[in-house]
Every structure is written in C-alpha cells, then in structure tokens.
Protein backbone atom coordinates (compact mmCIF):
# COMPACT_ATOMS: atom_id res chain seq x y z
CA MET A 1 -19.38 -20.15 8.01
CA ALA A 2 -18.45 -19.79 11.71
CA SER A 3 -16.83 -22.64 11.54
CA LEU A 4 -14.18 -22.24 8.90
CA TYR A 5 -14.02 -18.68 10.46
CA ASP A 6 -12.61 -20.63 13.78
CA LEU A 7 -10.57 -22.52 11.69
CA VAL A 8 -8.78 -19.80 9.76
CA ALA A 9 -8.98 -17.09 13.00
CA GLY A 10 -7.27 -19.93 14.68
CA ASP A 11 -7.00 -20.08 18.36
CA GLU A 12 -9.97 -20.69 20.96
CA ASP A 13 -10.27 -16.59 22.10
CA ALA A 14 -11.40 -16.45 17.60
CA ARG A 15 -15.43 -16.09 18.90
CA VAL A 16 -14.29 -13.34 21.90
CA CYS A 17 -14.99 -9.56 20.82
CA LYS A 18 -12.66 -7.09 22.50
CA ASP A 19 -14.58 -3.50 21.24
CA ILE A 20 -17.30 -4.16 19.11
CA PRO A 21 -20.51 -4.28 19.95
CA GLU A 22 -22.58 -7.48 20.04
CA SER A 23 -24.62 -6.53 17.30
CA ALA A 24 -21.74 -6.88 15.27
CA CYS A 25 -20.06 -9.33 16.93
CA ARG A 26 -22.78 -11.79 15.55
CA GLU A 27 -21.78 -10.73 12.01
CA MET A 28 -18.62 -11.11 12.34
CA PRO A 29 -17.32 -14.71 10.85
CA ARG A 30 -18.94 -13.53 7.61
CA ASN A 31 -17.82 -10.04 7.27
CA PHE A 32 -14.39 -11.58 8.16
CA PHE A 33 -14.07 -12.79 5.27
CA LEU A 34 -15.74 -10.72 2.98
CA HIS A 35 -12.70 -8.02 4.27
CA ILE A 36 -10.44 -10.93 3.40
CA VAL A 37 -12.26 -11.37 -0.15
CA SER A 38 -12.33 -7.83 -0.99
CA ASN A 39 -9.51 -6.87 0.02
CA THR A 40 -7.87 -9.88 -2.26
CA ALA A 41 -9.35 -8.21 -5.41
CA SER A 42 -8.48 -4.62 -4.71
CA LYS A 43 -5.00 -5.71 -4.06
CA ILE A 44 -4.67 -7.83 -7.04
CA GLY A 45 -5.60 -4.52 -8.77
CA ASP A 46 -2.95 -2.75 -7.07
CA GLU A 47 0.31 -4.92 -8.61
CA LEU A 48 -1.18 -5.04 -12.04
CA ALA A 49 -1.59 -1.45 -12.59
CA SER A 50 1.50 -0.25 -10.06
CA ALA A 51 2.52 2.81 -10.62
CA LYS A 52 6.43 2.05 -9.85
CA LEU A 53 6.60 -1.14 -12.15
CA VAL A 54 3.46 -1.10 -14.47
CA LEU A 55 2.74 2.35 -15.45
CA ALA A 56 6.24 3.28 -15.68
CA TRP A 57 6.86 0.64 -18.39
CA LEU A 58 3.71 1.76 -20.13
CA MET A 59 4.77 5.21 -20.25
CA SER A 60 8.36 3.63 -21.48
CA ALA A 61 6.34 2.11 -24.13
CA LEU A 62 4.18 4.77 -25.62
CA GLY A 63 6.81 7.07 -26.05
CA ALA A 64 6.02 9.55 -22.58
CA PRO A 65 8.84 11.91 -21.66
CA ALA A 66 11.08 10.45 -19.69
CA PHE A 67 10.07 13.46 -17.02
CA LEU A 68 6.35 12.29 -16.94
CA ALA A 69 7.54 9.46 -15.62
CA GLY A 70 9.09 10.52 -13.16
CA PHE A 71 5.69 12.24 -11.41
CA LEU A 72 3.87 8.59 -11.39
CA VAL A 73 4.79 7.53 -7.57
CA PRO A 74 4.06 10.28 -6.31
CA VAL A 75 1.12 11.47 -7.84
CA ARG A 76 -0.16 8.12 -6.63
CA GLU A 77 1.22 8.56 -3.45
CA SER A 78 0.51 11.78 -2.36
CA GLY A 79 -3.03 12.36 -4.57
CA SER A 80 -4.44 9.31 -2.12
CA LEU A 81 -2.73 10.35 0.93
CA LEU A 82 -3.15 14.52 1.19
CA PRO A 83 -7.01 14.91 0.31
CA GLN A 84 -8.03 12.86 3.04
CA LEU A 85 -7.86 15.13 6.06
CA PHE A 86 -10.77 16.78 4.23
CA VAL A 87 -12.38 13.40 3.09
CA ALA A 88 -12.48 12.18 6.47
CA SER A 89 -14.87 15.13 7.56
CA HIS A 90 -17.86 13.80 5.29
CA ILE A 91 -17.35 10.38 5.70
CA ARG A 92 -17.90 10.93 9.72
CA ARG A 93 -21.11 12.28 8.20
CA ALA A 94 -22.42 9.07 7.71
CA ALA A 95 -23.15 6.56 10.41
CA VAL A 96 -22.81 4.00 7.72
CA ARG A 97 -18.81 4.21 6.08
CA LYS A 98 -19.01 1.34 3.61
CA TRP A 99 -20.52 3.05 0.46
CA PHE A 100 -17.63 5.33 0.65
CA TRP A 101 -15.36 2.55 -0.28
CA VAL A 102 -17.11 1.20 -2.67
CA GLY A 103 -17.25 4.56 -4.00
CA GLY A 104 -13.68 4.52 -4.15
CA SER A 105 -13.53 0.77 -5.24
CA VAL A 106 -16.04 2.07 -8.51
CA GLY A 107 -13.50 5.08 -9.33
CA GLN A 108 -10.61 3.32 -9.37
CA GLY A 109 -11.95 0.57 -11.98
CA ILE A 110 -12.63 3.60 -14.31
CA SER A 111 -9.68 5.68 -13.65
CA ALA A 112 -7.31 1.64 -15.08
CA LEU A 113 -10.39 1.24 -17.42
CA GLY A 114 -8.61 4.75 -18.92
CA MET A 115 -5.24 3.46 -19.04
CA ALA A 116 -5.92 1.12 -21.03
CA VAL A 117 -7.83 3.32 -23.66
CA VAL A 118 -4.64 5.47 -23.28
CA ALA A 119 -2.60 2.49 -23.82
CA LEU A 120 -4.42 1.30 -26.88
CA THR A 121 -4.67 5.23 -28.27
CA LEU A 122 -2.47 7.27 -27.43
CA SER A 123 1.28 7.73 -27.47
CA GLY A 124 4.17 10.15 -26.98
CA ALA A 125 2.94 13.11 -24.33
CA ALA A 126 -0.40 13.11 -25.17
CA ALA A 127 -0.40 9.78 -23.39
CA GLY A 128 1.89 10.98 -20.69
CA TRP A 129 -0.71 13.24 -19.97
CA ALA A 130 -3.65 11.43 -19.45
CA LEU A 131 -2.05 8.38 -17.91
CA LEU A 132 -0.97 10.82 -14.76
CA GLY A 133 -4.72 12.44 -15.10
CA LEU A 134 -5.69 9.52 -14.95
CA LEU A 135 -3.99 8.40 -12.19
CA ALA A 136 -4.63 11.42 -10.36
CA LEU A 137 -8.65 10.37 -10.47
CA PHE A 138 -7.25 6.69 -9.17
CA ALA A 139 -5.34 8.36 -5.85
CA LEU A 140 -8.35 10.33 -5.07
CA SER A 141 -10.73 7.92 -5.28
CA ARG A 142 -7.94 5.32 -3.59
CA GLY A 143 -8.15 8.26 -0.75
CA VAL A 144 -11.84 7.84 -0.59
CA SER A 145 -10.89 4.08 -0.30
CA SER A 146 -8.17 4.19 2.32
CA VAL A 147 -9.70 6.34 4.98
CA ALA A 148 -12.99 4.31 5.42
CA SER A 149 -11.71 0.64 5.16
CA LYS A 150 -10.08 1.20 8.43
CA ASP A 151 -12.55 2.86 9.92
CA VAL A 152 -14.87 0.38 8.52
CA LEU A 153 -12.58 -2.10 9.87
CA GLY A 154 -12.48 -1.13 13.14
CA LYS A 155 -16.43 -1.03 13.49
CA THR A 156 -16.82 -4.57 12.37
CA ILE A 157 -13.97 -6.86 12.74
CA SER A 158 -12.70 -7.75 16.75
CA LYS A 159 -9.30 -6.01 18.38
CA THR A 160 -6.37 -9.45 17.20
CA ARG A 161 -8.43 -9.83 14.10
CA ARG A 162 -7.63 -7.35 11.73
CA GLY A 163 -4.05 -7.99 11.38
CA THR A 164 -5.20 -11.22 10.09
CA VAL A 165 -7.56 -10.45 7.96
CA MET A 166 -5.20 -7.54 6.51
CA GLY A 167 -2.02 -10.65 6.19
CA TYR A 168 -4.70 -12.84 4.34
CA ALA A 169 -5.89 -10.89 1.80
CA ALA A 170 -1.83 -9.37 1.50
CA ALA A 171 -0.96 -13.28 1.33
CA LEU A 172 -3.56 -14.41 -1.27
CA ALA A 173 -3.27 -11.20 -3.54
CA GLY A 174 0.69 -11.90 -2.73
CA PHE A 175 0.44 -14.97 -4.64
CA ALA A 176 -1.83 -14.07 -7.24
CA THR A 177 0.64 -11.16 -8.48
CA LEU A 178 3.44 -14.54 -8.87
CA GLY A 179 1.08 -16.29 -11.32
CA VAL A 180 1.18 -12.57 -13.54
CA GLY A 181 5.04 -11.98 -12.96
CA GLY A 182 5.68 -16.15 -14.23
CA TRP A 183 3.83 -15.34 -17.10
CA VAL A 184 5.00 -12.25 -17.95
CA THR A 185 8.19 -13.45 -17.36
CA LEU A 186 7.78 -16.66 -19.67
CA GLN A 187 6.58 -14.67 -22.30
CA ALA A 188 8.79 -11.29 -22.84
CA GLU A 189 8.49 -11.51 -26.32
CA GLN A 190 4.83 -11.39 -26.09
CA ALA A 191 4.19 -9.10 -23.86
CA ALA A 192 6.15 -6.06 -25.40
CA SER A 193 3.16 -4.75 -27.10
CA THR A 194 1.19 -2.09 -25.50
CA GLY A 195 -1.93 -4.54 -26.11
CA PHE A 196 -0.45 -6.62 -23.26
CA PHE A 197 -0.21 -3.56 -20.44
CA ALA A 198 -3.66 -2.32 -22.11
CA LEU A 199 -5.17 -6.74 -20.80
CA LEU A 200 -3.69 -5.79 -17.17
CA LEU A 201 -5.14 -2.40 -16.96
CA VAL A 202 -8.57 -3.53 -17.89
CA ALA A 203 -8.04 -6.78 -15.89
CA ALA A 204 -7.58 -4.83 -12.59
CA GLY A 205 -10.36 -2.23 -13.18
CA VAL A 206 -12.67 -5.33 -13.51
CA LEU A 207 -11.36 -6.54 -10.30
CA TRP A 208 -11.98 -3.17 -8.48
CA PHE A 209 -15.63 -3.44 -9.79
CA ALA A 210 -16.12 -7.13 -8.16
CA ALA A 211 -14.10 -5.51 -4.76
CA GLY A 212 -17.08 -3.33 -4.53
CA GLY A 213 -19.47 -5.27 -5.29
CA ILE A 214 -18.35 -7.88 -2.65
CA PHE A 215 -17.41 -5.20 0.49
CA ALA A 216 -21.18 -3.38 -0.60
CA ALA A 217 -22.43 -6.87 1.25
CA VAL A 218 -20.64 -6.37 4.81
CA LYS A 219 -22.94 -5.54 7.46
CA GLU A 220 -21.83 -2.53 9.34
CA VAL A 221 -23.32 -1.38 12.08
CA PRO A 222 -24.67 2.08 12.27
CA GLY A 223 -21.76 4.50 13.89
CA ALA A 224 -21.08 7.78 15.55
CA THR A 225 -21.63 10.69 13.16
CA GLU A 226 -19.72 13.80 15.40
CA GLY A 227 -16.68 15.26 13.68
CA GLY A 228 -18.48 16.02 10.42
CA GLY A 229 -19.19 19.58 9.82
CA ASN A 230 -17.14 21.84 7.49
CA ALA A 231 -14.49 20.15 5.88
CA VAL A 232 -11.75 23.05 6.36
CA SER A 233 -12.14 23.66 10.34
CA GLU A 234 -12.45 19.91 10.50
CA ALA A 235 -9.38 19.59 8.98
CA ILE A 236 -7.53 22.14 11.23
CA ARG A 237 -9.35 20.89 14.46
CA SER A 238 -8.20 17.56 13.77
CA LEU A 239 -4.61 18.22 12.89
CA GLY A 240 -4.64 19.83 16.33
CA LEU A 241 -3.98 15.82 17.16
CA MET A 242 -0.48 16.21 16.46
CA LYS A 243 0.08 18.46 19.43
CA ASP A 244 -2.31 17.29 21.89
CA ASP A 245 -2.19 13.57 21.32
CA PRO A 246 1.79 12.22 22.32
CA LEU A 247 1.36 8.68 21.43
CA PHE A 248 -0.56 9.97 17.82
CA ARG A 249 2.46 12.24 16.99
CA HIS A 250 4.99 9.54 17.87
CA PHE A 251 3.61 7.26 15.48
CA VAL A 252 3.57 9.79 12.60
CA ILE A 253 7.40 10.54 13.16
CA THR A 254 7.73 6.35 13.49
CA ARG A 255 5.39 6.15 10.11
CA SER A 256 7.54 9.25 7.88
CA LEU A 257 10.61 7.92 9.03
CA LEU A 258 9.68 3.99 7.70
CA MET A 259 8.34 5.64 4.79
CA SER A 260 11.88 5.34 3.38
CA THR A 261 10.88 1.25 1.88
CA ALA A 262 8.79 2.95 0.31
CA LEU A 263 10.53 5.21 -1.48
CA ALA A 264 13.40 3.15 -1.90
CA MET A 265 12.03 0.51 -4.51
CA PRO A 266 11.90 2.28 -6.97
CA PHE A 267 15.14 3.19 -6.78
CA TYR A 268 15.43 -0.75 -6.67
CA VAL A 269 13.58 -0.67 -9.70
CA MET A 270 16.09 2.37 -11.57
CA LEU A 271 19.35 0.02 -10.21
CA ALA A 272 18.62 -2.79 -11.99
CA GLN A 273 17.82 -1.30 -14.87
CA ARG A 274 20.94 -0.25 -15.05
CA GLU A 275 22.65 -2.93 -13.84
CA THR A 276 21.27 -5.78 -16.21
CA ASP A 277 20.01 -4.09 -19.02
CA GLY A 278 16.74 -5.35 -18.06
CA ASP A 279 13.81 -6.36 -20.26
CA LEU A 280 9.96 -7.29 -20.36
CA GLY A 281 11.50 -10.19 -18.56
CA SER A 282 13.46 -8.71 -15.87
CA LEU A 283 10.31 -6.81 -15.21
CA GLY A 284 8.42 -10.11 -14.58
CA LEU A 285 11.02 -11.46 -12.46
CA MET A 286 10.70 -7.79 -10.79
CA ILE A 287 6.80 -8.40 -10.33
CA VAL A 288 7.29 -12.30 -8.93
CA ALA A 289 9.62 -10.68 -6.26
CA THR A 290 6.62 -9.03 -5.66
CA GLY A 291 3.71 -11.63 -5.48
CA LEU A 292 6.43 -14.05 -3.14
CA ALA A 293 7.17 -10.87 -0.86
CA GLY A 294 3.06 -10.63 0.12
CA GLY A 295 2.41 -13.99 -0.40
CA LEU A 296 5.61 -15.61 1.95
CA SER A 297 5.41 -12.63 4.83
CA ALA A 298 2.09 -11.26 4.62
CA PRO A 299 0.20 -13.63 6.84
CA VAL A 300 3.55 -13.71 9.31
CA TRP A 301 3.68 -9.96 9.69
CA GLY A 302 -0.06 -9.83 9.74
CA ARG A 303 -0.51 -12.67 12.71
CA LEU A 304 2.44 -11.07 14.51
CA SER A 305 0.57 -7.66 14.57
CA ASP A 306 -1.97 -8.97 16.20
CA ARG A 307 0.48 -9.60 18.91
CA SER A 308 2.93 -6.46 19.05
CA SER A 309 2.44 -4.47 15.74
CA ARG A 310 4.78 -2.18 17.19
CA LEU A 311 7.91 -4.99 17.34
CA VAL A 312 6.61 -5.61 13.31
CA LEU A 313 7.29 -2.16 12.41
CA VAL A 314 10.65 -2.21 13.98
CA ALA A 315 11.45 -5.80 12.71
CA SER A 316 10.87 -4.31 8.64
CA GLY A 317 12.56 -0.80 9.46
CA VAL A 318 15.62 -3.12 10.77
CA LEU A 319 15.54 -5.44 7.47
CA ALA A 320 15.13 -2.73 4.89
CA GLY A 321 17.77 -0.20 6.27
CA VAL A 322 20.29 -3.43 6.30
CA LEU A 323 19.56 -4.45 3.18
CA GLY A 324 20.16 -0.58 1.84
CA LEU A 325 23.55 -0.59 2.95
CA MET A 326 24.03 -3.80 2.22
CA VAL A 327 23.19 -3.14 -1.85
CA PHE A 328 25.43 0.26 -1.49
CA ALA A 329 28.47 -2.51 -0.29
CA LEU A 330 27.47 -4.87 -3.45
CA THR A 331 28.22 -2.10 -5.63
CA TRP A 332 31.65 -1.63 -4.53
CA LEU A 333 32.15 -5.20 -5.47
CA ASP A 334 31.18 -4.12 -9.53
CA ALA A 335 31.47 -8.15 -9.73
CA ALA A 336 29.56 -10.50 -12.65
CA TRP A 337 27.30 -11.97 -10.18
CA THR A 338 26.45 -8.62 -9.19
CA ARG A 339 24.73 -7.17 -12.02
CA SER A 340 22.76 -10.40 -12.17
CA PRO A 341 18.69 -10.13 -12.59
CA TYR A 342 18.33 -12.65 -10.08
CA LEU A 343 20.12 -11.01 -7.44
CA PHE A 344 18.38 -7.67 -7.72
CA ALA A 345 14.67 -10.12 -7.94
CA ALA A 346 16.44 -11.09 -4.82
CA LEU A 347 17.06 -8.23 -3.50
CA PHE A 348 13.31 -6.75 -4.27
CA LEU A 349 12.00 -9.35 -2.73
CA VAL A 350 13.86 -8.66 0.65
CA ILE A 351 12.97 -5.07 0.71
CA GLY A 352 9.73 -6.21 -0.72
CA ILE A 353 9.30 -7.94 2.06
CA ALA A 354 10.00 -5.27 4.38
CA HIS A 355 7.98 -2.83 3.10
CA SER A 356 5.02 -5.16 3.35
CA GLY A 357 5.97 -5.07 7.28
CA VAL A 358 5.69 -1.84 7.47
CA ARG A 359 2.41 -1.58 5.82
CA LEU A 360 1.01 -4.44 8.09
CA GLY A 361 2.62 -2.94 11.66
CA ARG A 362 1.69 0.69 10.84
CA LYS A 363 -2.04 0.24 9.81
CA THR A 364 -2.52 -2.44 12.64
CA TYR A 365 -1.35 -0.11 14.89
CA LEU A 366 -3.25 2.78 13.58
CA VAL A 367 -6.07 1.54 14.08
CA ASP A 368 -6.07 -0.79 17.65
CA MET A 369 -4.67 2.58 18.76
CA ALA A 370 -7.68 4.71 17.79
CA THR A 371 -11.13 4.34 19.17
CA GLN A 372 -14.73 4.50 16.89
CA ASP A 373 -14.84 8.27 17.95
CA THR A 374 -10.81 9.15 16.95
CA ARG A 375 -10.67 6.77 14.07
CA ALA A 376 -11.44 8.12 11.05
CA ALA A 377 -9.37 11.48 11.76
CA TYR A 378 -6.16 9.43 12.81
CA VAL A 379 -5.91 8.68 9.17
CA ALA A 380 -6.82 11.06 8.12
CA VAL A 381 -4.67 13.10 9.85
CA SER A 382 -1.21 10.54 9.52
CA ASN A 383 -1.95 10.04 6.05
CA THR A 384 -1.97 13.85 5.22
CA VAL A 385 1.33 14.33 6.51
CA VAL A 386 3.16 11.27 5.23
CA GLY A 387 1.11 11.97 1.75
CA ALA A 388 2.93 15.65 2.55
CA LEU A 389 5.79 13.87 2.97
CA LEU A 390 6.27 12.03 0.18
CA LEU A 391 6.31 15.44 -2.07
CA VAL A 392 9.54 16.24 -0.21
CA GLY A 393 10.84 12.83 -0.49
CA GLY A 394 10.69 13.62 -4.48
CA LEU A 395 14.38 15.62 -4.02
CA PHE A 396 15.91 12.10 -3.22
CA GLY A 397 15.78 11.74 -6.86
CA LEU A 398 18.08 15.10 -7.15
CA VAL A 399 20.35 12.55 -4.61
CA ALA A 400 20.20 10.11 -6.71
CA ASP A 401 21.34 12.10 -9.84
CA ILE A 402 24.25 13.27 -7.48
CA ALA A 403 25.46 11.04 -5.44
CA GLY A 404 24.24 7.90 -7.29
CA VAL A 405 21.59 5.46 -7.02
CA ALA A 406 23.05 2.93 -4.53
CA ALA A 407 24.13 5.24 -2.23
CA THR A 408 20.65 7.01 -2.44
CA ILE A 409 19.46 2.81 -1.31
CA ALA A 410 21.91 3.93 1.32
CA LEU A 411 20.59 6.85 2.59
CA LEU A 412 16.97 5.75 2.49
CA GLY A 413 18.22 2.70 4.61
CA LEU A 414 19.94 5.01 7.92
CA MET A 415 16.12 6.64 7.05
CA GLY A 416 14.57 3.15 7.91
CA LEU A 417 17.10 1.83 10.42
CA ALA A 418 15.76 5.46 12.06
CA GLY A 419 12.37 4.60 12.00
CA SER A 420 13.04 1.50 13.50
CA ALA A 421 14.21 3.08 16.36
CA ALA A 422 11.51 5.32 16.90
CA ALA A 423 8.96 2.37 16.73
CA TRP A 424 10.95 0.45 19.22
CA ARG A 425 9.74 3.30 21.69
CA LEU A 426 6.09 3.65 20.63
CA GLU A 427 3.82 1.67 23.47
CA GLU A 428 1.49 -1.33 22.90
CA VAL A 429 -0.64 -1.09 21.92
CA GLN A 430 -1.92 -4.80 21.07
CA ARG A 431 -2.20 -5.51 25.09
C-alpha cells in the first residue's frame, strides 16, 4: 500500500505530513485510497442522478408540470448548502466525524432508490412533487456529508495531497460517466422508457451505499470538540467570521462570483435543446461531455490546486467567462453548423472543465486556508452564504425569459470573469 501510494502521490515529498499528527500520518497511504474510492463512488452516483440532466429529463418523461422542473437545481444546491451552518455545530461535538459522512451517504442512497420507485409508479404532478421531496432529502443528506468530508479530509490527508485525492476521484468518476453517456447515446430508443431512468437511480443508490461502507474504514484520529454548542447561537457566532476574517470574506466573495459556472450549465442545456430539438441521444452526448470534463481535467486541476489553488480559480473563471461571451457571439451567426448537437456537446465539455476547476480550486483553497479548529465553521458559513445566493440566482431564469438564453449565458460569463479577478487578489495558502 505504501509503495503504491508513493507512486500515485508522485514525488519525493509524498510521505511528508505537513499539518496532521504523526498518528494520522502513518495511516495516510491507506486513507488516501479509501478517500479516492469512496468519493469516486459518490461522484458517479451524483452523475447518474444529476438534477440538471437526468432528473429534468425524467420529470418531462413522467409528464410533470414544467414549473416543477425549474425547482430541481435550486432544491438540489441550496437544500444541501443552507442547513450546513446549523449542522456544523453538531458535527463539531464529535471527536470522530467520519460517521456523519457515512450517514449522509446512506441518506442519499435511500433518496435515489425512492426516486426509482417514483419513476415506476407515479406520473404527472404527483411524480414531480414526489421527486422534489426526495431531492430535498437527498440535498439535506448531501449537506451533512459535505461538512464532514472536508473536515475528515483535513484530519487524515496532509496539505499538498488533498487536491490530488479529489482530482483522482473526479477523474475516475468522469471516465465512468463517459461510459454511461456513450451507452445512452448508442441506445437512445431503448433509453426512452422511465424504466431506464429507474435503473440509473437504483445504480446511484447502490453506489452511495457502497461509498458509505468504504468511508467507514477510514482511520480518523479523534479531534477537538470545541464549538459544538447550541446550533443557533453557534451559527450566529460563526457568521461573525465574515466580518472578522478578511481572507475568508474575500474567499466567499470570490466563490460567490464563480458560482456562475454552476448557474450557467442548465442554460447551456436549454440552448442545446432549443437549437437542436434534442432527444435522449442529445442527452447521451451531454453525459459523455460531463464524463470527459471530469476525466480529462480533474487530475490536472487537482495537481495544480496543490501548487496554487488561487491560480486554478483564476484560470477556470477566465475559461468560463470567455466561453460565455463566445456562445453569445455564436448565436448571432445563426448558421447551420451552430445548431449541431456535437457543437453544443463540445461547449458543454468546456463549461464542465471550467466548473471542475472552480470546484477543485475552491475546495482545496478552503481546506488549506483553515485549521482543524476552524475548518468545519469555514465550510458551513461559506456554503450557507452561497446557498442563499443560489436561491437568488434563480432570477437568472427571468433574465432568460426577457433577454434570451444566450444573453443570460453571456451575463454569467461576465460574472465568471469578475470572479477570476477576485481570485487573483486572494492570498496564496499552499506556501
């Protein structure tokens, strides 16, 4: 195990532990691979039950009202982010926190299996409301896992190796997703039934159960339990970090601007559906693009994040911003080639690469910026603030109705460029 870890970790400094105790350092090779495998399984489950792709298509196939589909992404994202400020205080009461991740993974698996049952038994508005309710349960479980995962990562994996862990997991999940997308593309006719979506959701549920079981094997050294008081009072106290910690405040502002990459992705899908009359074959191409984005870029982003997560945020913000402006220009051409499903799959690939960079860069920056005592609070506060802003981000749907989808993508591109400029002014935390 140790020799394989030395090979994968990549350099002569692979066995040096920079900010974890010696007892955790001895277990790091084993924990390194457990983190990768468990996170890979959960990330594949994420793609198989993607709110912005798979669940949206499923709602349409079940005949649910269109306005319910509009709530999928806000419920998925904000539902997992907003409660974290209150969940974090309970997590801090535990000296060993991996079990919160395990419990959250089980909750996500149960939610996915429930969605599969809905796909097979309900239709119309009843199916739409049931899917949203289960998605809310999924999101709450996801929020618990999110707070715990970064805390456990910081306790078990040394600085300069955390981005590598997340990068490998995202890459493996990306290649698995690529295979699923290729299968959907080649079997579009068979994929049209709701039974196919139920199969995807059952597979996602099984993967989350497996991820929880694997993560339970992580060797975590008991840590500090301070700050585990009353959830409301601790939440209010933690929000004071936005006032008292200028670096953290700057990071939250930067992350808020760069959330434009996530907000833009559904609009890319909407534009592709409008321009190409997309069917499930088009969905398959977009799943392929999603898999390629993670598989090709995540290892690179992860390695670069361990060197400078600040510059990863700068680069990915510029990429998303320039792409948004280019898409706006392409719509003015209105040539036949601009309506090709392969072009839109390529555009979705690029925005996926940019989004992957934002996710890995900001996760690595936050974990390395924090200490063991502040990490859970930093994660919870930043996620809560961004979760609230994501709800406001739903107003971009109104912008799309008024100004058009392409103009909305351009506006979000400008927001990405602003986030890149903000990231440029962040301090380096990897040094």
